[in-house]
């Protein structure tokens, strides 16, 4: 079994959280972002962006997280810092 690899990327490094996920996956997989599997294979990218976007009055949303699997990685997005955590040691590889 491979050693888990974790990568963290903040929301501020990309225009939206779905792009941050693509960039973080590309970094973990050591590939170009264009080579990352489409997010819609695992989650609706527009819904993901809306879930973590500020409220209509501009306030940050209260705490929360979502986890999904893509490209044999567990991707966890947290609302507190807009972080993207990627763990390459998924259940499907165990």
N, C-alpha and C. Protein backbone atom coordinates (compact mmCIF):
# COMPACT_ATOMS: atom_id res chain seq x y z
N UNK A 1 0.86 -1.18 0.00
CA UNK A 1 0.00 0.00 0.00
C UNK A 1 0.90 1.23 0.00
N UNK A 2 0.52 2.22 -0.78
CA UNK A 2 1.32 3.43 -0.88
C UNK A 2 1.12 4.31 0.35
N UNK A 3 2.11 5.15 0.62
CA UNK A 3 2.02 6.10 1.72
C UNK A 3 1.09 7.22 1.32
N UNK A 4 0.15 7.60 2.21
CA UNK A 4 -0.77 8.68 1.87
C UNK A 4 -0.01 9.98 1.61
N UNK A 5 -0.46 10.72 0.63
CA UNK A 5 0.10 12.03 0.32
C UNK A 5 -1.01 13.04 0.50
N UNK A 6 -0.72 14.11 1.21
CA UNK A 6 -1.74 15.14 1.41
C UNK A 6 -1.23 16.45 0.85
N UNK A 7 -2.11 17.16 0.20
CA UNK A 7 -1.79 18.45 -0.36
C UNK A 7 -2.87 19.42 0.08
N UNK A 8 -2.48 20.62 0.46
CA UNK A 8 -3.43 21.65 0.86
C UNK A 8 -3.25 22.87 -0.01
N UNK A 9 -4.35 23.40 -0.46
CA UNK A 9 -4.31 24.61 -1.27
C UNK A 9 -5.40 25.53 -0.78
N UNK A 10 -5.10 26.82 -0.63
CA UNK A 10 -6.11 27.74 -0.13
C UNK A 10 -6.97 28.27 -1.28
N UNK A 11 -8.19 28.62 -0.94
CA UNK A 11 -9.16 29.14 -1.89
C UNK A 11 -8.63 30.40 -2.59
N UNK A 12 -7.82 31.19 -1.92
CA UNK A 12 -7.35 32.46 -2.48
C UNK A 12 -6.40 32.26 -3.66
N UNK A 13 -5.88 31.07 -3.86
CA UNK A 13 -4.95 30.83 -4.96
C UNK A 13 -5.66 30.56 -6.28
N UNK A 14 -6.96 30.49 -6.26
CA UNK A 14 -7.74 30.23 -7.47
C UNK A 14 -8.98 31.11 -7.42
N UNK A 15 -9.53 31.42 -8.60
CA UNK A 15 -10.72 32.28 -8.63
C UNK A 15 -11.94 31.67 -7.93
N UNK A 16 -12.02 30.36 -7.89
CA UNK A 16 -13.13 29.71 -7.20
C UNK A 16 -12.66 28.36 -6.67
N UNK A 17 -13.46 27.76 -5.81
CA UNK A 17 -13.04 26.55 -5.12
C UNK A 17 -12.91 25.37 -6.08
N UNK A 18 -13.73 25.30 -7.12
CA UNK A 18 -13.61 24.17 -8.05
C UNK A 18 -12.26 24.23 -8.79
N UNK A 19 -11.80 25.42 -9.11
CA UNK A 19 -10.48 25.54 -9.74
C UNK A 19 -9.36 25.22 -8.76
N UNK A 20 -9.56 25.56 -7.49
CA UNK A 20 -8.57 25.20 -6.46
C UNK A 20 -8.45 23.68 -6.34
N UNK A 21 -9.59 22.98 -6.45
CA UNK A 21 -9.57 21.51 -6.41
C UNK A 21 -8.78 20.95 -7.59
N UNK A 22 -9.03 21.47 -8.78
CA UNK A 22 -8.31 21.01 -9.98
C UNK A 22 -6.82 21.26 -9.83
N UNK A 23 -6.43 22.44 -9.36
CA UNK A 23 -5.02 22.76 -9.19
C UNK A 23 -4.36 21.86 -8.14
N UNK A 24 -5.06 21.61 -7.04
CA UNK A 24 -4.51 20.75 -5.99
C UNK A 24 -4.37 19.31 -6.48
N UNK A 25 -5.37 18.80 -7.20
CA UNK A 25 -5.27 17.44 -7.76
C UNK A 25 -4.12 17.34 -8.75
N UNK A 26 -3.95 18.35 -9.57
CA UNK A 26 -2.85 18.36 -10.54
C UNK A 26 -1.51 18.32 -9.81
N UNK A 27 -1.39 19.05 -8.72
CA UNK A 27 -0.14 19.06 -7.95
C UNK A 27 0.14 17.69 -7.34
N UNK A 28 -0.89 17.08 -6.76
CA UNK A 28 -0.72 15.76 -6.14
C UNK A 28 -0.38 14.70 -7.18
N UNK A 29 -1.05 14.77 -8.32
CA UNK A 29 -0.83 13.78 -9.38
C UNK A 29 0.35 14.12 -10.28
N UNK A 30 0.99 15.28 -10.00
CA UNK A 30 2.14 15.73 -10.78
C UNK A 30 1.82 15.75 -12.28
N UNK A 31 0.74 16.45 -12.58
CA UNK A 31 0.28 16.57 -13.96
C UNK A 31 -0.22 17.98 -14.20
N UNK A 32 -0.54 18.28 -15.43
CA UNK A 32 -1.09 19.57 -15.79
C UNK A 32 -2.57 19.60 -15.40
N UNK A 33 -3.08 20.73 -14.94
CA UNK A 33 -4.50 20.80 -14.57
C UNK A 33 -5.45 20.35 -15.68
N UNK A 34 -5.07 20.54 -16.93
CA UNK A 34 -5.94 20.11 -18.05
C UNK A 34 -6.09 18.59 -18.11
N UNK A 35 -5.15 17.86 -17.47
CA UNK A 35 -5.19 16.40 -17.47
C UNK A 35 -6.00 15.82 -16.33
N UNK A 36 -6.47 16.67 -15.42
CA UNK A 36 -7.28 16.21 -14.28
C UNK A 36 -8.65 15.79 -14.79
N UNK A 37 -9.16 14.67 -14.27
CA UNK A 37 -10.50 14.21 -14.64
C UNK A 37 -11.51 15.33 -14.37
N UNK A 38 -12.54 15.45 -15.20
CA UNK A 38 -13.55 16.49 -14.98
C UNK A 38 -14.20 16.34 -13.59
N UNK A 39 -14.34 17.46 -12.90
CA UNK A 39 -14.96 17.43 -11.57
C UNK A 39 -16.35 16.83 -11.60
N UNK A 40 -17.09 17.08 -12.69
CA UNK A 40 -18.46 16.58 -12.74
C UNK A 40 -18.53 15.05 -12.73
N UNK A 41 -17.39 14.36 -12.85
CA UNK A 41 -17.39 12.90 -12.66
C UNK A 41 -17.67 12.54 -11.20
N UNK A 42 -17.45 13.51 -10.28
CA UNK A 42 -17.65 13.24 -8.86
C UNK A 42 -18.62 14.20 -8.19
N UNK A 43 -18.66 15.44 -8.69
CA UNK A 43 -19.47 16.47 -8.03
C UNK A 43 -19.80 17.57 -9.03
N UNK A 44 -20.88 18.27 -8.83
CA UNK A 44 -21.26 19.38 -9.69
C UNK A 44 -20.37 20.59 -9.33
N UNK A 45 -19.47 21.01 -10.23
CA UNK A 45 -18.55 22.11 -9.90
C UNK A 45 -19.26 23.42 -9.55
N UNK A 46 -20.35 23.74 -10.24
CA UNK A 46 -21.08 24.97 -9.93
C UNK A 46 -21.69 24.91 -8.54
N UNK A 47 -22.23 23.76 -8.17
CA UNK A 47 -22.80 23.60 -6.84
C UNK A 47 -21.71 23.70 -5.77
N UNK A 48 -20.55 23.12 -6.05
CA UNK A 48 -19.41 23.21 -5.13
C UNK A 48 -19.01 24.67 -4.92
N UNK A 49 -18.90 25.43 -6.01
CA UNK A 49 -18.55 26.85 -5.89
C UNK A 49 -19.59 27.62 -5.09
N UNK A 50 -20.87 27.36 -5.35
CA UNK A 50 -21.94 28.06 -4.64
C UNK A 50 -21.96 27.69 -3.16
N UNK A 51 -21.66 26.43 -2.85
CA UNK A 51 -21.65 25.97 -1.47
C UNK A 51 -20.63 26.73 -0.63
N UNK A 52 -19.49 27.07 -1.24
CA UNK A 52 -18.42 27.72 -0.50
C UNK A 52 -18.27 29.21 -0.80
N UNK A 53 -19.13 29.76 -1.63
CA UNK A 53 -19.10 31.20 -1.93
C UNK A 53 -19.66 31.98 -0.75
N UNK A 54 -19.26 33.24 -0.61
CA UNK A 54 -19.86 34.07 0.44
C UNK A 54 -21.37 34.16 0.24
N UNK A 55 -22.06 34.50 1.32
CA UNK A 55 -23.51 34.68 1.24
C UNK A 55 -23.83 35.89 0.38
N UNK A 56 -25.10 36.09 0.06
CA UNK A 56 -25.50 37.22 -0.79
C UNK A 56 -25.12 38.57 -0.20
N UNK A 57 -25.04 38.65 1.15
CA UNK A 57 -24.63 39.91 1.77
C UNK A 57 -23.12 40.00 1.97
N UNK A 58 -22.36 39.04 1.39
CA UNK A 58 -20.90 39.09 1.39
C UNK A 58 -20.23 38.44 2.59
N UNK A 59 -20.99 37.89 3.51
CA UNK A 59 -20.41 37.25 4.69
C UNK A 59 -19.91 35.85 4.36
N UNK A 60 -18.84 35.45 5.06
CA UNK A 60 -18.32 34.08 4.92
C UNK A 60 -19.34 33.12 5.52
N UNK A 61 -19.53 31.99 4.89
CA UNK A 61 -20.48 30.99 5.40
C UNK A 61 -19.91 30.35 6.66
N UNK A 62 -20.80 29.85 7.54
CA UNK A 62 -20.32 29.18 8.75
C UNK A 62 -19.59 27.89 8.38
N UNK A 63 -18.90 27.31 9.33
CA UNK A 63 -18.08 26.12 9.11
C UNK A 63 -18.81 24.99 8.42
N UNK A 64 -18.04 24.19 7.69
CA UNK A 64 -18.58 23.04 7.00
C UNK A 64 -17.52 22.43 6.10
N UNK A 65 -17.79 21.24 5.62
CA UNK A 65 -16.84 20.54 4.75
C UNK A 65 -17.59 19.57 3.86
N UNK A 66 -16.96 19.22 2.75
CA UNK A 66 -17.50 18.20 1.86
C UNK A 66 -16.32 17.35 1.39
N UNK A 67 -16.54 16.06 1.29
CA UNK A 67 -15.51 15.13 0.83
C UNK A 67 -16.07 14.30 -0.31
N UNK A 68 -15.25 14.12 -1.35
CA UNK A 68 -15.63 13.28 -2.47
C UNK A 68 -14.37 12.63 -3.03
N UNK A 69 -14.57 11.60 -3.85
CA UNK A 69 -13.45 10.89 -4.45
C UNK A 69 -13.34 11.23 -5.93
N UNK A 70 -12.09 11.49 -6.36
CA UNK A 70 -11.81 11.75 -7.77
C UNK A 70 -10.37 11.38 -8.05
N UNK A 71 -10.13 10.67 -9.11
CA UNK A 71 -8.78 10.26 -9.53
C UNK A 71 -8.05 9.47 -8.43
N UNK A 72 -8.79 8.56 -7.77
CA UNK A 72 -8.25 7.74 -6.69
C UNK A 72 -7.73 8.57 -5.52
N UNK A 73 -8.33 9.73 -5.31
CA UNK A 73 -7.98 10.60 -4.20
C UNK A 73 -9.25 10.98 -3.44
N UNK A 74 -9.11 11.13 -2.13
CA UNK A 74 -10.19 11.71 -1.34
C UNK A 74 -9.93 13.20 -1.28
N UNK A 75 -10.88 13.98 -1.73
CA UNK A 75 -10.77 15.43 -1.75
C UNK A 75 -11.70 15.97 -0.68
N UNK A 76 -11.16 16.76 0.24
CA UNK A 76 -11.97 17.39 1.28
C UNK A 76 -11.82 18.90 1.16
N UNK A 77 -12.93 19.59 1.03
CA UNK A 77 -12.95 21.04 0.97
C UNK A 77 -13.57 21.53 2.27
N UNK A 78 -12.89 22.45 2.96
CA UNK A 78 -13.42 23.03 4.19
C UNK A 78 -13.75 24.49 3.97
N UNK A 79 -14.84 24.94 4.54
CA UNK A 79 -15.29 26.31 4.32
C UNK A 79 -14.52 27.32 5.16
N UNK A 80 -13.99 26.94 6.30
CA UNK A 80 -13.35 27.91 7.20
C UNK A 80 -12.26 28.71 6.49
N UNK A 81 -11.38 28.04 5.77
CA UNK A 81 -10.29 28.74 5.10
C UNK A 81 -10.35 28.55 3.59
N UNK A 82 -11.37 27.87 3.11
CA UNK A 82 -11.44 27.56 1.69
C UNK A 82 -10.33 26.61 1.28
N UNK A 83 -9.91 25.76 2.22
CA UNK A 83 -8.81 24.83 1.96
C UNK A 83 -9.29 23.61 1.19
N UNK A 84 -8.38 23.05 0.41
CA UNK A 84 -8.61 21.80 -0.30
C UNK A 84 -7.56 20.82 0.20
N UNK A 85 -7.98 19.74 0.84
CA UNK A 85 -7.08 18.70 1.32
C UNK A 85 -7.26 17.48 0.44
N UNK A 86 -6.16 16.91 -0.04
CA UNK A 86 -6.24 15.74 -0.91
C UNK A 86 -5.41 14.63 -0.31
N UNK A 87 -6.03 13.47 -0.15
CA UNK A 87 -5.39 12.28 0.39
C UNK A 87 -5.43 11.22 -0.70
N UNK A 88 -4.26 10.73 -1.13
CA UNK A 88 -4.21 9.77 -2.21
C UNK A 88 -4.47 8.35 -1.74
N UNK A 89 -4.58 8.12 -0.46
CA UNK A 89 -4.81 6.78 0.07
C UNK A 89 -6.31 6.59 0.25
N UNK A 90 -7.02 6.21 -0.81
CA UNK A 90 -8.47 6.09 -0.77
C UNK A 90 -8.90 4.67 -0.43
N UNK A 91 -10.17 4.54 -0.09
CA UNK A 91 -10.72 3.21 0.23
C UNK A 91 -10.62 2.25 -0.94
N UNK A 92 -10.73 2.76 -2.15
CA UNK A 92 -10.72 1.88 -3.32
C UNK A 92 -9.33 1.28 -3.56
N UNK A 93 -8.28 1.88 -2.97
CA UNK A 93 -6.93 1.35 -3.15
C UNK A 93 -6.54 0.41 -2.01
N UNK A 94 -7.30 0.38 -0.93
CA UNK A 94 -6.94 -0.41 0.26
C UNK A 94 -7.31 -1.85 0.11
